[in-house]
């Protein structure tokens, strides 16, 4: 059964619309500013975990103690 030109044109228009939507979604996902904001939010979420926060405080205390010891000695 042969397709008429109106059906073919409708299918082409639908394919164009779907492609345009896909390209818009990719443009949003690949936006460098959005990627940077997501990375920043992820890093802050990791740093706000108690285990990470207290580990960094501990390392900071040790570094300060070593510096004070070298200055005093």
C-alpha atoms as a PDB file:
ATOM      1  CA  UNK A   1       0.000   0.000   0.000  1.00  0.00           C
ATOM      2  CA  UNK A   2       1.605   3.235  -1.122  1.00  0.00           C
ATOM      3  CA  UNK A   3       1.772   6.145   1.262  1.00  0.00           C
ATOM      4  CA  UNK A   4       0.371   9.427   0.071  1.00  0.00           C
ATOM      5  CA  UNK A   5       2.416  12.619   0.139  1.00  0.00           C
ATOM      6  CA  UNK A   6       0.445  14.116   3.048  1.00  0.00           C
ATOM      7  CA  UNK A   7       1.350  11.199   5.329  1.00  0.00           C
ATOM      8  CA  UNK A   8       4.986  11.430   4.291  1.00  0.00           C
ATOM      9  CA  UNK A   9       5.035  15.185   4.963  1.00  0.00           C
ATOM     10  CA  UNK A  10       3.428  14.658   8.393  1.00  0.00           C
ATOM     11  CA  UNK A  11       6.031  12.025   9.265  1.00  0.00           C
ATOM     12  CA  UNK A  12       8.841  14.320   8.138  1.00  0.00           C
ATOM     13  CA  UNK A  13       7.442  17.192  10.212  1.00  0.00           C
ATOM     14  CA  UNK A  14       7.130  14.915  13.240  1.00  0.00           C
ATOM     15  CA  UNK A  15      10.714  13.720  12.780  1.00  0.00           C
ATOM     16  CA  UNK A  16      11.898  17.355  12.545  1.00  0.00           C
ATOM     17  CA  UNK A  17      10.063  18.266  15.753  1.00  0.00           C
ATOM     18  CA  UNK A  18      11.536  15.285  17.597  1.00  0.00           C
ATOM     19  CA  UNK A  19      15.017  16.166  16.347  1.00  0.00           C
ATOM     20  CA  UNK A  20      14.574  19.800  17.434  1.00  0.00           C
ATOM     21  CA  UNK A  21      13.496  18.658  20.911  1.00  0.00           C
ATOM     22  CA  UNK A  22      16.486  16.327  21.158  1.00  0.00           C
ATOM     23  CA  UNK A  23      18.886  19.090  20.114  1.00  0.00           C
ATOM     24  CA  UNK A  24      17.354  21.492  22.645  1.00  0.00           C
ATOM     25  CA  UNK A  25      17.749  18.902  25.408  1.00  0.00           C
ATOM     26  CA  UNK A  26      21.389  18.302  24.424  1.00  0.00           C
ATOM     27  CA  UNK A  27      22.083  22.036  24.396  1.00  0.00           C
ATOM     28  CA  UNK A  28      20.752  22.341  27.943  1.00  0.00           C
ATOM     29  CA  UNK A  29      22.727  19.322  29.165  1.00  0.00           C
ATOM     30  CA  UNK A  30      25.973  20.499  27.536  1.00  0.00           C
ATOM     31  CA  UNK A  31      25.749  24.094  28.792  1.00  0.00           C
ATOM     32  CA  UNK A  32      29.143  24.810  30.415  1.00  0.00           C
ATOM     33  CA  UNK A  33      27.653  27.078  33.072  1.00  0.00           C
ATOM     34  CA  UNK A  34      25.175  24.384  34.123  1.00  0.00           C
ATOM     35  CA  UNK A  35      27.936  21.771  34.189  1.00  0.00           C
ATOM     36  CA  UNK A  36      30.069  24.034  36.393  1.00  0.00           C
ATOM     37  CA  UNK A  37      27.156  24.681  38.746  1.00  0.00           C
ATOM     38  CA  UNK A  38      26.449  20.954  39.010  1.00  0.00           C
ATOM     39  CA  UNK A  39      30.121  20.227  39.763  1.00  0.00           C
ATOM     40  CA  UNK A  40      30.178  22.964  42.407  1.00  0.00           C
ATOM     41  CA  UNK A  41      27.009  21.639  44.047  1.00  0.00           C
ATOM     42  CA  UNK A  42      28.425  18.117  44.054  1.00  0.00           C
ATOM     43  CA  UNK A  43      31.713  19.253  45.593  1.00  0.00           C
ATOM     44  CA  UNK A  44      29.925  21.254  48.285  1.00  0.00           C
ATOM     45  CA  UNK A  45      27.671  18.301  49.088  1.00  0.00           C
ATOM     46  CA  UNK A  46      30.739  16.084  49.486  1.00  0.00           C
ATOM     47  CA  UNK A  47      32.557  18.642  51.652  1.00  0.00           C
ATOM     48  CA  UNK A  48      29.514  19.027  53.885  1.00  0.00           C
ATOM     49  CA  UNK A  49      29.510  15.354  54.814  1.00  0.00           C
ATOM     50  CA  UNK A  50      30.633  15.033  58.449  1.00  0.00           C
ATOM     51  CA  UNK A  51      33.313  12.426  57.694  1.00  0.00           C
ATOM     52  CA  UNK A  52      34.955  14.620  55.059  1.00  0.00           C
ATOM     53  CA  UNK A  53      34.567  17.824  57.058  1.00  0.00           C
ATOM     54  CA  UNK A  54      36.132  16.415  60.227  1.00  0.00           C
ATOM     55  CA  UNK A  55      38.912  14.728  58.277  1.00  0.00           C
ATOM     56  CA  UNK A  56      39.837  18.053  56.683  1.00  0.00           C
ATOM     57  CA  UNK A  57      39.746  19.764  60.089  1.00  0.00           C
ATOM     58  CA  UNK A  58      42.060  17.056  61.441  1.00  0.00           C
ATOM     59  CA  UNK A  59      44.500  17.474  58.585  1.00  0.00           C
ATOM     60  CA  UNK A  60      44.432  21.237  59.071  1.00  0.00           C
ATOM     61  CA  UNK A  61      45.232  20.873  62.777  1.00  0.00           C
ATOM     62  CA  UNK A  62      48.159  18.566  62.015  1.00  0.00           C
ATOM     63  CA  UNK A  63      49.538  20.955  59.378  1.00  0.00           C
ATOM     64  CA  UNK A  64      49.270  23.914  61.748  1.00  0.00           C
ATOM     65  CA  UNK A  65      50.971  21.922  64.519  1.00  0.00           C
ATOM     66  CA  UNK A  66      53.850  20.986  62.199  1.00  0.00           C
ATOM     67  CA  UNK A  67      54.266  24.607  61.081  1.00  0.00           C
ATOM     68  CA  UNK A  68      54.255  25.868  64.676  1.00  0.00           C
ATOM     69  CA  UNK A  69      56.798  23.212  65.677  1.00  0.00           C
ATOM     70  CA  UNK A  70      59.142  24.219  62.835  1.00  0.00           C
ATOM     71  CA  UNK A  71      58.798  27.914  63.628  1.00  0.00           C
ATOM     72  CA  UNK A  72      59.420  27.402  67.349  1.00  0.00           C
ATOM     73  CA  UNK A  73      62.328  24.997  66.885  1.00  0.00           C
END
